[in-house]
Amino acid sequence: MGVDVKGVNTIVHFGPSSDIDDYCQESGRGGRDGSESYAILINYSGSSGRYKTSDGMKYYVNNEEICRRELLLEPFGCKPNNTSSRTLHLCCDICACRCKCGDGACGDPVGGKRHIEQKC
């Protein structure tokens, strides 16, 4: 669905989408050329209350324990591929914090998440 634009590898959401389906559709614009891509959601105070945001999307945004890829695939009846076959820090921010592979990307996949939260 949509236009395949090469070279899009980062999608930035300023506030949450209205629901998980929309978030998946919007985030899926990145990496269509097969390259690694990132979806960054900047959640700010009151962002979930300004628009009609589904309970599922609110849960996704506030979740700090469950793999985000798992939460995105769950409504579609799917499960993520076995994470042992890929580096955890390439999965999501939750898995990146659990990754112990020793790569510099472990713990903070988009670089500066904590820094952004402190500045806002």
PDB file of N, CA and C in Angstrom:
ATOM      1  N   MET A   1       0.825  -1.171   0.000  1.00  0.00           N
ATOM      2  CA  MET A   1       0.000   0.000   0.000  1.00  0.00           C
ATOM      3  C   MET A   1       0.879   1.248   0.000  1.00  0.00           C
ATOM      4  N   GLY A   2       0.507   2.264  -0.676  1.00  0.00           N
ATOM      5  CA  GLY A   2       1.243   3.510  -0.663  1.00  0.00           C
ATOM      6  C   GLY A   2       2.363   3.541  -1.678  1.00  0.00           C
ATOM      7  N   VAL A   3       3.134   4.598  -1.622  1.00  0.00           N
ATOM      8  CA  VAL A   3       4.225   4.822  -2.555  1.00  0.00           C
ATOM      9  C   VAL A   3       5.522   4.321  -1.934  1.00  0.00           C
ATOM     10  N   ASP A   4       6.321   3.602  -2.698  1.00  0.00           N
ATOM     11  CA  ASP A   4       7.621   3.141  -2.224  1.00  0.00           C
ATOM     12  C   ASP A   4       8.668   4.199  -2.536  1.00  0.00           C
ATOM     13  N   VAL A   5       9.114   4.903  -1.507  1.00  0.00           N
ATOM     14  CA  VAL A   5      10.127   5.936  -1.672  1.00  0.00           C
ATOM     15  C   VAL A   5      11.436   5.392  -1.113  1.00  0.00           C
ATOM     16  N   LYS A   6      12.443   5.271  -1.955  1.00  0.00           N
ATOM     17  CA  LYS A   6      13.731   4.748  -1.517  1.00  0.00           C
ATOM     18  C   LYS A   6      14.433   5.760  -0.627  1.00  0.00           C
ATOM     19  N   GLY A   7      15.192   5.242   0.320  1.00  0.00           N
ATOM     20  CA  GLY A   7      15.993   6.095   1.174  1.00  0.00           C
ATOM     21  C   GLY A   7      15.295   6.584   2.432  1.00  0.00           C
ATOM     22  N   VAL A   8      14.035   6.238   2.641  1.00  0.00           N
ATOM     23  CA  VAL A   8      13.351   6.629   3.878  1.00  0.00           C
ATOM     24  C   VAL A   8      13.675   5.569   4.921  1.00  0.00           C
ATOM     25  N   ASN A   9      14.451   5.958   5.939  1.00  0.00           N
ATOM     26  CA  ASN A   9      14.800   4.984   6.963  1.00  0.00           C
ATOM     27  C   ASN A   9      14.448   5.429   8.373  1.00  0.00           C
ATOM     28  N   THR A  10      13.896   6.615   8.515  1.00  0.00           N
ATOM     29  CA  THR A  10      13.469   7.085   9.829  1.00  0.00           C
ATOM     30  C   THR A  10      12.108   7.754   9.709  1.00  0.00           C
ATOM     31  N   ILE A  11      11.186   7.291  10.522  1.00  0.00           N
ATOM     32  CA  ILE A  11       9.845   7.874  10.599  1.00  0.00           C
ATOM     33  C   ILE A  11       9.715   8.465  11.998  1.00  0.00           C
ATOM     34  N   VAL A  12       9.368   9.735  12.090  1.00  0.00           N
ATOM     35  CA  VAL A  12       9.217  10.393  13.387  1.00  0.00           C
ATOM     36  C   VAL A  12       7.756  10.771  13.576  1.00  0.00           C
ATOM     37  N   HIS A  13       7.185  10.290  14.670  1.00  0.00           N
ATOM     38  CA  HIS A  13       5.807  10.627  15.039  1.00  0.00           C
ATOM     39  C   HIS A  13       5.866  11.630  16.189  1.00  0.00           C
ATOM     40  N   PHE A  14       5.253  12.772  16.026  1.00  0.00           N
ATOM     41  CA  PHE A  14       5.157  13.743  17.111  1.00  0.00           C
ATOM     42  C   PHE A  14       3.806  13.525  17.771  1.00  0.00           C
ATOM     43  N   GLY A  15       3.799  12.691  18.786  1.00  0.00           N
ATOM     44  CA  GLY A  15       2.568  12.257  19.438  1.00  0.00           C
ATOM     45  C   GLY A  15       2.105  10.941  18.830  1.00  0.00           C
ATOM     46  N   PRO A  16       1.298  10.190  19.569  1.00  0.00           N
ATOM     47  CA  PRO A  16       0.861   8.875  19.102  1.00  0.00           C
ATOM     48  C   PRO A  16      -0.180   8.956  17.989  1.00  0.00           C
ATOM     49  N   SER A  17      -0.224   7.905  17.184  1.00  0.00           N
ATOM     50  CA  SER A  17      -1.279   7.763  16.175  1.00  0.00           C
ATOM     51  C   SER A  17      -2.579   7.450  16.900  1.00  0.00           C
ATOM     52  N   SER A  18      -3.686   7.485  16.184  1.00  0.00           N
ATOM     53  CA  SER A  18      -4.975   7.229  16.839  1.00  0.00           C
ATOM     54  C   SER A  18      -5.127   5.776  17.265  1.00  0.00           C
ATOM     55  N   ASP A  19      -4.533   4.844  16.520  1.00  0.00           N
ATOM     56  CA  ASP A  19      -4.593   3.435  16.921  1.00  0.00           C
ATOM     57  C   ASP A  19      -3.393   2.677  16.354  1.00  0.00           C
ATOM     58  N   ILE A  20      -3.265   1.416  16.763  1.00  0.00           N
ATOM     59  CA  ILE A  20      -2.133   0.585  16.362  1.00  0.00           C
ATOM     60  C   ILE A  20      -2.090   0.389  14.845  1.00  0.00           C
ATOM     61  N   ASP A  21      -3.256   0.184  14.228  1.00  0.00           N
ATOM     62  CA  ASP A  21      -3.301   0.006  12.769  1.00  0.00           C
ATOM     63  C   ASP A  21      -2.683   1.204  12.049  1.00  0.00           C
ATOM     64  N   ASP A  22      -3.075   2.404  12.456  1.00  0.00           N
ATOM     65  CA  ASP A  22      -2.531   3.617  11.833  1.00  0.00           C
ATOM     66  C   ASP A  22      -1.029   3.728  12.069  1.00  0.00           C
ATOM     67  N   TYR A  23      -0.608   3.421  13.287  1.00  0.00           N
ATOM     68  CA  TYR A  23       0.820   3.503  13.610  1.00  0.00           C
ATOM     69  C   TYR A  23       1.634   2.546  12.736  1.00  0.00           C
ATOM     70  N   CYS A  24       1.134   1.326  12.562  1.00  0.00           N
ATOM     71  CA  CYS A  24       1.823   0.346  11.702  1.00  0.00           C
ATOM     72  C   CYS A  24       1.891   0.843  10.261  1.00  0.00           C
ATOM     73  N   GLN A  25       0.792   1.375   9.770  1.00  0.00           N
ATOM     74  CA  GLN A  25       0.742   1.890   8.395  1.00  0.00           C
ATOM     75  C   GLN A  25       1.737   3.036   8.212  1.00  0.00           C
ATOM     76  N   GLU A  26       1.742   3.964   9.147  1.00  0.00           N
ATOM     77  CA  GLU A  26       2.625   5.127   9.058  1.00  0.00           C
ATOM     78  C   GLU A  26       4.093   4.722   9.207  1.00  0.00           C
ATOM     79  N   SER A  27       4.380   3.862  10.173  1.00  0.00           N
ATOM     80  CA  SER A  27       5.756   3.418  10.413  1.00  0.00           C
ATOM     81  C   SER A  27       6.275   2.565   9.272  1.00  0.00           C
ATOM     82  N   GLY A  28       5.374   1.879   8.594  1.00  0.00           N
ATOM     83  CA  GLY A  28       5.749   1.017   7.483  1.00  0.00           C
ATOM     84  C   GLY A  28       6.231   1.758   6.252  1.00  0.00           C
ATOM     85  N   ARG A  29       6.215   3.071   6.287  1.00  0.00           N
ATOM     86  CA  ARG A  29       6.721   3.867   5.161  1.00  0.00           C
ATOM     87  C   ARG A  29       8.241   3.811   5.090  1.00  0.00           C
ATOM     88  N   GLY A  30       8.882   3.493   6.205  1.00  0.00           N
ATOM     89  CA  GLY A  30      10.340   3.408   6.237  1.00  0.00           C
ATOM     90  C   GLY A  30      10.831   2.018   5.881  1.00  0.00           C
ATOM     91  N   GLY A  31      11.984   1.938   5.279  1.00  0.00           N
ATOM     92  CA  GLY A  31      12.615   0.667   4.977  1.00  0.00           C
ATOM     93  C   GLY A  31      12.013  -0.104   3.825  1.00  0.00           C
ATOM     94  N   ARG A  32      11.244   0.550   2.996  1.00  0.00           N
ATOM     95  CA  ARG A  32      10.601  -0.161   1.879  1.00  0.00           C
ATOM     96  C   ARG A  32      11.591  -0.637   0.827  1.00  0.00           C
ATOM     97  N   ASP A  33      12.800  -0.099   0.875  1.00  0.00           N
ATOM     98  CA  ASP A  33      13.823  -0.560  -0.067  1.00  0.00           C
ATOM     99  C   ASP A  33      14.643  -1.704   0.525  1.00  0.00           C
ATOM    100  N   GLY A  34      14.203  -2.219   1.676  1.00  0.00           N
ATOM    101  CA  GLY A  34      14.881  -3.341   2.312  1.00  0.00           C
ATOM    102  C   GLY A  34      15.923  -2.931   3.335  1.00  0.00           C
ATOM    103  N   SER A  35      16.144  -1.636   3.500  1.00  0.00           N
ATOM    104  CA  SER A  35      17.135  -1.170   4.466  1.00  0.00           C
ATOM    105  C   SER A  35      16.545  -1.151   5.878  1.00  0.00           C
ATOM    106  N   GLU A  36      17.435  -1.163   6.858  1.00  0.00           N
ATOM    107  CA  GLU A  36      17.019  -1.065   8.253  1.00  0.00           C
ATOM    108  C   GLU A  36      16.356   0.295   8.465  1.00  0.00           C
ATOM    109  N   SER A  37      15.291   0.323   9.250  1.00  0.00           N
ATOM    110  CA  SER A  37      14.599   1.594   9.476  1.00  0.00           C
ATOM    111  C   SER A  37      14.181   1.720  10.934  1.00  0.00           C
ATOM    112  N   TYR A  38      13.857   2.933  11.323  1.00  0.00           N
ATOM    113  CA  TYR A  38      13.461   3.239  12.692  1.00  0.00           C
ATOM    114  C   TYR A  38      12.168   4.039  12.686  1.00  0.00           C
ATOM    115  N   ALA A  39      11.322   3.761  13.666  1.00  0.00           N
ATOM    116  CA  ALA A  39      10.136   4.580  13.910  1.00  0.00           C
ATOM    117  C   ALA A  39      10.321   5.176  15.300  1.00  0.00           C
ATOM    118  N   ILE A  40      10.350   6.481  15.364  1.00  0.00           N
ATOM    119  CA  ILE A  40      10.553   7.176  16.631  1.00  0.00           C
ATOM    120  C   ILE A  40       9.263   7.892  16.984  1.00  0.00           C
ATOM    121  N   LEU A  41       8.755   7.616  18.171  1.00  0.00           N
ATOM    122  CA  LEU A  41       7.528   8.255  18.628  1.00  0.00           C
ATOM    123  C   LEU A  41       7.891   9.210  19.761  1.00  0.00           C
ATOM    124  N   ILE A  42       7.687  10.491  19.537  1.00  0.00           N
ATOM    125  CA  ILE A  42       7.947  11.492  20.568  1.00  0.00           C
ATOM    126  C   ILE A  42       6.630  11.743  21.283  1.00  0.00           C
ATOM    127  N   ASN A  43       6.566  11.262  22.507  1.00  0.00           N
ATOM    128  CA  ASN A  43       5.359  11.399  23.312  1.00  0.00           C
ATOM    129  C   ASN A  43       5.545  12.586  24.250  1.00  0.00           C
ATOM    130  N   TYR A  44       4.651  13.506  24.207  1.00  0.00           N
ATOM    131  CA  TYR A  44       4.763  14.686  25.059  1.00  0.00           C
ATOM    132  C   TYR A  44       3.546  14.776  25.970  1.00  0.00           C
ATOM    133  N   SER A  45       3.653  15.533  27.006  1.00  0.00           N
ATOM    134  CA  SER A  45       2.583  15.667  27.991  1.00  0.00           C
ATOM    135  C   SER A  45       1.277  16.091  27.328  1.00  0.00           C
ATOM    136  N   GLY A  46       0.253  15.297  27.527  1.00  0.00           N
ATOM    137  CA  GLY A  46      -1.060  15.609  26.986  1.00  0.00           C
ATOM    138  C   GLY A  46      -1.295  15.148  25.562  1.00  0.00           C
ATOM    139  N   SER A  47      -0.293  14.541  24.925  1.00  0.00           N
ATOM    140  CA  SER A  47      -0.450  14.160  23.516  1.00  0.00           C
ATOM    141  C   SER A  47      -1.518  13.094  23.310  1.00  0.00           C
ATOM    142  N   SER A  48      -1.695  12.196  24.257  1.00  0.00           N
ATOM    143  CA  SER A  48      -2.710  11.146  24.108  1.00  0.00           C
ATOM    144  C   SER A  48      -4.117  11.678  24.324  1.00  0.00           C
ATOM    145  N   GLY A  49      -4.245  12.796  24.990  1.00  0.00           N
ATOM    146  CA  GLY A  49      -5.561  13.346  25.271  1.00  0.00           C
ATOM    147  C   GLY A  49      -6.071  14.327  24.230  1.00  0.00           C
ATOM    148  N   ARG A  50      -5.181  14.841  23.381  1.00  0.00           N
ATOM    149  CA  ARG A  50      -5.583  15.836  22.384  1.00  0.00           C
ATOM    150  C   ARG A  50      -6.434  15.244  21.279  1.00  0.00           C
ATOM    151  N   TYR A  51      -6.147  14.042  20.917  1.00  0.00           N
ATOM    152  CA  TYR A  51      -6.859  13.382  19.830  1.00  0.00           C
ATOM    153  C   TYR A  51      -7.478  12.111  20.370  1.00  0.00           C
ATOM    154  N   LYS A  52      -8.332  11.504  19.592  1.00  0.00           N
ATOM    155  CA  LYS A  52      -8.902  10.228  20.003  1.00  0.00           C
ATOM    156  C   LYS A  52      -7.837   9.157  19.835  1.00  0.00           C
ATOM    157  N   THR A  53      -7.225   8.790  20.925  1.00  0.00           N
ATOM    158  CA  THR A  53      -6.186   7.770  20.916  1.00  0.00           C
ATOM    159  C   THR A  53      -6.746   6.517  21.561  1.00  0.00           C
ATOM    160  N   SER A  54      -6.673   5.391  20.857  1.00  0.00           N
ATOM    161  CA  SER A  54      -7.238   4.140  21.366  1.00  0.00           C
ATOM    162  C   SER A  54      -6.502   3.677  22.620  1.00  0.00           C
ATOM    163  N   ASP A  55      -7.183   2.863  23.412  1.00  0.00           N
ATOM    164  CA  ASP A  55      -6.564   2.312  24.613  1.00  0.00           C
ATOM    165  C   ASP A  55      -5.343   1.470  24.250  1.00  0.00           C
ATOM    166  N   GLY A  56      -5.426   0.739  23.133  1.00  0.00           N
ATOM    167  CA  GLY A  56      -4.300  -0.075  22.684  1.00  0.00           C
ATOM    168  C   GLY A  56      -3.075   0.760  22.368  1.00  0.00           C
ATOM    169  N   MET A  57      -3.283   1.908  21.738  1.00  0.00           N
ATOM    170  CA  MET A  57      -2.166   2.797  21.406  1.00  0.00           C
ATOM    171  C   MET A  57      -1.599   3.418  22.673  1.00  0.00           C
ATOM    172  N   LYS A  58      -2.466   3.805  23.607  1.00  0.00           N
ATOM    173  CA  LYS A  58      -1.993   4.353  24.885  1.00  0.00           C
ATOM    174  C   LYS A  58      -1.144   3.324  25.622  1.00  0.00           C
ATOM    175  N   TYR A  59      -1.593   2.064  25.597  1.00  0.00           N
ATOM    176  CA  TYR A  59      -0.837   0.995  26.255  1.00  0.00           C
ATOM    177  C   TYR A  59       0.526   0.826  25.583  1.00  0.00           C
ATOM    178  N   TYR A  60       0.540   0.841  24.262  1.00  0.00           N
ATOM    179  CA  TYR A  60       1.787   0.710  23.505  1.00  0.00           C
ATOM    180  C   TYR A  60       2.774   1.818  23.891  1.00  0.00           C
ATOM    181  N   VAL A  61       2.290   3.037  23.953  1.00  0.00           N
ATOM    182  CA  VAL A  61       3.138   4.191  24.261  1.00  0.00           C
ATOM    183  C   VAL A  61       3.697   4.114  25.681  1.00  0.00           C
ATOM    184  N   ASN A  62       2.864   3.730  26.643  1.00  0.00           N
ATOM    185  CA  ASN A  62       3.276   3.732  28.046  1.00  0.00           C
ATOM    186  C   ASN A  62       3.968   2.452  28.492  1.00  0.00           C
ATOM    187  N   ASN A  63       3.954   1.417  27.663  1.00  0.00           N
ATOM    188  CA  ASN A  63       4.571   0.137  27.980  1.00  0.00           C
ATOM    189  C   ASN A  63       6.078   0.285  28.182  1.00  0.00           C
ATOM    190  N   GLU A  64       6.588  -0.355  29.226  1.00  0.00           N
ATOM    191  CA  GLU A  64       8.028  -0.350  29.474  1.00  0.00           C
ATOM    192  C   GLU A  64       8.572  -1.750  29.695  1.00  0.00           C
ATOM    193  N   GLU A  65       7.774  -2.796  29.409  1.00  0.00           N
ATOM    194  CA  GLU A  65       8.197  -4.159  29.712  1.00  0.00           C
ATOM    195  C   GLU A  65       8.113  -5.127  28.538  1.00  0.00           C
ATOM    196  N   ILE A  66       7.090  -5.022  27.705  1.00  0.00           N
ATOM    197  CA  ILE A  66       6.843  -5.998  26.644  1.00  0.00           C
ATOM    198  C   ILE A  66       7.439  -5.495  25.331  1.00  0.00           C
ATOM    199  N   CYS A  67       8.038  -6.403  24.583  1.00  0.00           N
ATOM    200  CA  CYS A  67       8.612  -6.080  23.270  1.00  0.00           C
ATOM    201  C   CYS A  67       7.584  -5.320  22.428  1.00  0.00           C
ATOM    202  N   ARG A  68       7.977  -4.174  21.912  1.00  0.00           N
ATOM    203  CA  ARG A  68       7.046  -3.351  21.127  1.00  0.00           C
ATOM    204  C   ARG A  68       6.664  -4.038  19.814  1.00  0.00           C
ATOM    205  N   ARG A  69       7.570  -4.785  19.237  1.00  0.00           N
ATOM    206  CA  ARG A  69       7.252  -5.522  18.007  1.00  0.00           C
ATOM    207  C   ARG A  69       6.144  -6.535  18.299  1.00  0.00           C
ATOM    208  N   GLU A  70       6.227  -7.182  19.451  1.00  0.00           N
ATOM    209  CA  GLU A  70       5.195  -8.142  19.862  1.00  0.00           C
ATOM    210  C   GLU A  70       3.842  -7.443  20.005  1.00  0.00           C
ATOM    211  N   LEU A  71       3.834  -6.260  20.621  1.00  0.00           N
ATOM    212  CA  LEU A  71       2.584  -5.510  20.794  1.00  0.00           C
ATOM    213  C   LEU A  71       2.001  -5.063  19.457  1.00  0.00           C
ATOM    214  N   LEU A  72       2.856  -4.725  18.500  1.00  0.00           N
ATOM    215  CA  LEU A  72       2.374  -4.301  17.181  1.00  0.00           C
ATOM    216  C   LEU A  72       1.785  -5.462  16.385  1.00  0.00           C
ATOM    217  N   LEU A  73       2.365  -6.635  16.518  1.00  0.00           N
ATOM    218  CA  LEU A  73       1.919  -7.793  15.740  1.00  0.00           C
ATOM    219  C   LEU A  73       0.721  -8.511  16.354  1.00  0.00           C
ATOM    220  N   GLU A  74       0.555  -8.385  17.659  1.00  0.00           N
ATOM    221  CA  GLU A  74      -0.510  -9.103  18.377  1.00  0.00           C
ATOM    222  C   GLU A  74      -1.911  -8.890  17.797  1.00  0.00           C
ATOM    223  N   PRO A  75      -2.339  -7.658  17.497  1.00  0.00           N
ATOM    224  CA  PRO A  75      -3.692  -7.471  16.953  1.00  0.00           C
ATOM    225  C   PRO A  75      -3.924  -8.165  15.608  1.00  0.00           C
ATOM    226  N   PHE A  76      -2.838  -8.503  14.924  1.00  0.00           N
ATOM    227  CA  PHE A  76      -2.942  -9.154  13.623  1.00  0.00           C
ATOM    228  C   PHE A  76      -2.784 -10.673  13.726  1.00  0.00           C
ATOM    229  N   GLY A  77      -2.722 -11.179  14.969  1.00  0.00           N
ATOM    230  CA  GLY A  77      -2.593 -12.615  15.189  1.00  0.00           C
ATOM    231  C   GLY A  77      -1.228 -13.168  14.843  1.00  0.00           C
ATOM    232  N   CYS A  78      -0.216 -12.326  14.884  1.00  0.00           N
ATOM    233  CA  CYS A  78       1.146 -12.753  14.536  1.00  0.00           C
ATOM    234  C   CYS A  78       2.057 -12.635  15.751  1.00  0.00           C
ATOM    235  N   LYS A  79       3.174 -13.324  15.670  1.00  0.00           N
ATOM    236  CA  LYS A  79       4.209 -13.219  16.690  1.00  0.00           C
ATOM    237  C   LYS A  79       5.515 -12.851  15.996  1.00  0.00           C
ATOM    238  N   PRO A  80       6.391 -12.111  16.694  1.00  0.00           N
ATOM    239  CA  PRO A  80       7.667 -11.752  16.071  1.00  0.00           C
ATOM    240  C   PRO A  80       8.532 -12.988  15.864  1.00  0.00           C
ATOM    241  N   ASN A  81       9.454 -12.896  14.914  1.00  0.00           N
ATOM    242  CA  ASN A  81      10.416 -13.977  14.717  1.00  0.00           C
ATOM    243  C   ASN A  81      11.215 -14.164  15.990  1.00  0.00           C
ATOM    244  N   ASN A  82      11.763 -15.321  16.165  1.00  0.00           N
ATOM    245  CA  ASN A  82      12.563 -15.629  17.346  1.00  0.00           C
ATOM    246  C   ASN A  82      13.690 -14.607  17.486  1.00  0.00           C
ATOM    247  N   THR A  83      13.697 -13.863  18.584  1.00  0.00           N
ATOM    248  CA  THR A  83      14.700 -12.811  18.774  1.00  0.00           C
ATOM    249  C   THR A  83      16.094 -13.370  19.000  1.00  0.00           C
ATOM    250  N   SER A  84      16.223 -14.655  19.326  1.00  0.00           N
ATOM    251  CA  SER A  84      17.558 -15.210  19.518  1.00  0.00           C
ATOM    252  C   SER A  84      18.321 -15.277  18.196  1.00  0.00           C
ATOM    253  N   SER A  85      17.605 -15.233  17.080  1.00  0.00           N
ATOM    254  CA  SER A  85      18.265 -15.306  15.776  1.00  0.00           C
ATOM    255  C   SER A  85      18.699 -13.936  15.266  1.00  0.00           C
ATOM    256  N   ARG A  86      18.381 -12.868  15.977  1.00  0.00           N
ATOM    257  CA  ARG A  86      18.837 -11.540  15.578  1.00  0.00           C
ATOM    258  C   ARG A  86      19.256 -10.772  16.833  1.00  0.00           C
ATOM    259  N   THR A  87      19.994  -9.744  16.642  1.00  0.00           N
ATOM    260  CA  THR A  87      20.462  -8.950  17.761  1.00  0.00           C
ATOM    261  C   THR A  87      19.294  -8.196  18.376  1.00  0.00           C
ATOM    262  N   LEU A  88      19.158  -8.300  19.685  1.00  0.00           N
ATOM    263  CA  LEU A  88      18.020  -7.677  20.364  1.00  0.00           C
ATOM    264  C   LEU A  88      17.961  -6.169  20.169  1.00  0.00           C
ATOM    265  N   HIS A  89      19.118  -5.512  20.092  1.00  0.00           N
ATOM    266  CA  HIS A  89      19.069  -4.047  19.987  1.00  0.00           C
ATOM    267  C   HIS A  89      18.519  -3.574  18.646  1.00  0.00           C
ATOM    268  N   LEU A  90      18.311  -4.488  17.701  1.00  0.00           N
ATOM    269  CA  LEU A  90      17.699  -4.122  16.426  1.00  0.00           C
ATOM    270  C   LEU A  90      16.192  -4.333  16.431  1.00  0.00           C
ATOM    271  N   CYS A  91      15.636  -4.816  17.528  1.00  0.00           N
ATOM    272  CA  CYS A  91      14.204  -5.121  17.599  1.00  0.00           C
ATOM    273  C   CYS A  91      13.387  -3.895  18.007  1.00  0.00           C
ATOM    274  N   CYS A  92      13.576  -3.419  19.217  1.00  0.00           N
ATOM    275  CA  CYS A  92      12.837  -2.259  19.737  1.00  0.00           C
ATOM    276  C   CYS A  92      13.594  -1.695  20.933  1.00  0.00           C
ATOM    277  N   ASP A  93      13.132  -0.589  21.479  1.00  0.00           N
ATOM    278  CA  ASP A  93      13.825   0.018  22.611  1.00  0.00           C
ATOM    279  C   ASP A  93      13.783  -0.868  23.851  1.00  0.00           C
ATOM    280  N   ILE A  94      12.701  -1.610  24.049  1.00  0.00           N
ATOM    281  CA  ILE A  94      12.584  -2.500  25.205  1.00  0.00           C
ATOM    282  C   ILE A  94      13.627  -3.611  25.094  1.00  0.00           C
ATOM    283  N   CYS A  95      13.698  -4.252  23.934  1.00  0.00           N
ATOM    284  CA  CYS A  95      14.661  -5.336  23.715  1.00  0.00           C
ATOM    285  C   CYS A  95      16.097  -4.812  23.729  1.00  0.00           C
ATOM    286  N   ALA A  96      16.310  -3.601  23.236  1.00  0.00           N
ATOM    287  CA  ALA A  96      17.655  -3.018  23.222  1.00  0.00           C
ATOM    288  C   ALA A  96      18.205  -2.895  24.633  1.00  0.00           C
ATOM    289  N   CYS A  97      17.348  -2.576  25.578  1.00  0.00           N
ATOM    290  CA  CYS A  97      17.787  -2.463  26.969  1.00  0.00           C
ATOM    291  C   CYS A  97      18.168  -3.822  27.551  1.00  0.00           C
ATOM    292  N   ARG A  98      17.649  -4.886  26.973  1.00  0.00           N
ATOM    293  CA  ARG A  98      17.953  -6.248  27.436  1.00  0.00           C
ATOM    294  C   ARG A  98      19.134  -6.862  26.694  1.00  0.00           C
ATOM    295  N   CYS A  99      19.566  -6.234  25.618  1.00  0.00           N
ATOM    296  CA  CYS A  99      20.622  -6.790  24.768  1.00  0.00           C
ATOM    297  C   CYS A  99      21.968  -6.731  25.489  1.00  0.00           C
ATOM    298  N   LYS A 100      22.714  -7.813  25.380  1.00  0.00           N
ATOM    299  CA  LYS A 100      24.034  -7.894  26.013  1.00  0.00           C
ATOM    300  C   LYS A 100      25.099  -8.310  24.999  1.00  0.00           C
ATOM    301  N   CYS A 101      24.882  -7.985  23.720  1.00  0.00           N
ATOM    302  CA  CYS A 101      25.810  -8.440  22.676  1.00  0.00           C
ATOM    303  C   CYS A 101      27.130  -7.668  22.686  1.00  0.00           C
ATOM    304  N   GLY A 102      27.157  -6.502  23.341  1.00  0.00           N
ATOM    305  CA  GLY A 102      28.380  -5.723  23.415  1.00  0.00           C
ATOM    306  C   GLY A 102      28.523  -4.664  22.336  1.00  0.00           C
ATOM    307  N   ASP A 103      27.592  -4.617  21.405  1.00  0.00           N
ATOM    308  CA  ASP A 103      27.613  -3.593  20.366  1.00  0.00           C
ATOM    309  C   ASP A 103      27.305  -2.246  21.016  1.00  0.00           C
ATOM    310  N   GLY A 104      27.831  -1.183  20.485  1.00  0.00           N
ATOM    311  CA  GLY A 104      27.604   0.142  21.046  1.00  0.00           C
ATOM    312  C   GLY A 104      26.159   0.591  21.034  1.00  0.00           C
ATOM    313  N   ALA A 105      25.308  -0.059  20.231  1.00  0.00           N
ATOM    314  CA  ALA A 105      23.898   0.325  20.128  1.00  0.00           C
ATOM    315  C   ALA A 105      23.044  -0.266  21.243  1.00  0.00           C
ATOM    316  N   CYS A 106      23.596  -1.179  22.021  1.00  0.00           N
ATOM    317  CA  CYS A 106      22.812  -1.804  23.092  1.00  0.00           C
ATOM    318  C   CYS A 106      22.361  -0.757  24.104  1.00  0.00           C
ATOM    319  N   GLY A 107      21.123  -0.868  24.525  1.00  0.00           N
ATOM    320  CA  GLY A 107      20.596  -0.007  25.568  1.00  0.00           C
ATOM    321  C   GLY A 107      19.915   1.255  25.087  1.00  0.00           C
ATOM    322  N   ASP A 108      20.252   1.741  23.917  1.00  0.00           N
ATOM    323  CA  ASP A 108      19.668   2.991  23.438  1.00  0.00           C
ATOM    324  C   ASP A 108      19.683   3.014  21.911  1.00  0.00           C
ATOM    325  N   PRO A 109      18.726   2.321  21.273  1.00  0.00           N
ATOM    326  CA  PRO A 109      18.777   2.118  19.829  1.00  0.00           C
ATOM    327  C   PRO A 109      18.698   3.372  18.969  1.00  0.00           C
ATOM    328  N   VAL A 110      18.071   4.426  19.443  1.00  0.00           N
ATOM    329  CA  VAL A 110      17.962   5.632  18.620  1.00  0.00           C
ATOM    330  C   VAL A 110      18.861   6.745  19.119  1.00  0.00           C
ATOM    331  N   GLY A 111      19.642   6.460  20.138  1.00  0.00           N
ATOM    332  CA  GLY A 111      20.608   7.432  20.628  1.00  0.00           C
ATOM    333  C   GLY A 111      19.968   8.673  21.209  1.00  0.00           C
ATOM    334  N   GLY A 112      19.915   8.765  22.511  1.00  0.00           N
ATOM    335  CA  GLY A 112      19.448   9.977  23.144  1.00  0.00           C
ATOM    336  C   GLY A 112      18.008   9.983  23.597  1.00  0.00           C
ATOM    337  N   LYS A 113      17.359   8.830  23.704  1.00  0.00           N
ATOM    338  CA  LYS A 113      15.968   8.807  24.155  1.00  0.00           C
ATOM    339  C   LYS A 113      15.848   9.485  25.519  1.00  0.00           C
ATOM    340  N   ARG A 114      16.741   9.115  26.423  1.00  0.00           N
ATOM    341  CA  ARG A 114      16.682   9.710  27.759  1.00  0.00           C
ATOM    342  C   ARG A 114      16.962  11.214  27.687  1.00  0.00           C
ATOM    343  N   HIS A 115      17.859  11.600  26.806  1.00  0.00           N
ATOM    344  CA  HIS A 115      18.205  13.011  26.637  1.00  0.00           C
ATOM    345  C   HIS A 115      16.985  13.810  26.169  1.00  0.00           C
ATOM    346  N   ILE A 116      16.238  13.276  25.230  1.00  0.00           N
ATOM    347  CA  ILE A 116      15.036  13.951  24.731  1.00  0.00           C
ATOM    348  C   ILE A 116      14.023  14.110  25.854  1.00  0.00           C
ATOM    349  N   GLU A 117      13.825  13.046  26.654  1.00  0.00           N
ATOM    350  CA  GLU A 117      12.853  13.106  27.740  1.00  0.00           C
ATOM    351  C   GLU A 117      13.241  14.167  28.763  1.00  0.00           C
ATOM    352  N   GLN A 118      14.537  14.295  29.040  1.00  0.00           N
ATOM    353  CA  GLN A 118      14.980  15.275  30.021  1.00  0.00           C
ATOM    354  C   GLN A 118      14.804  16.701  29.515  1.00  0.00           C
ATOM    355  N   LYS A 119      14.971  16.926  28.239  1.00  0.00           N
ATOM    356  CA  LYS A 119      14.866  18.270  27.671  1.00  0.00           C
ATOM    357  C   LYS A 119      13.423  18.762  27.580  1.00  0.00           C
ATOM    358  N   CYS A 120      12.468  17.842  27.438  1.00  0.00           N
ATOM    359  CA  CYS A 120      11.079  18.247  27.215  1.00  0.00           C
ATOM    360  C   CYS A 120      10.381  18.624  28.466  1.00  0.00           C
TER     361      CYS A 120
END
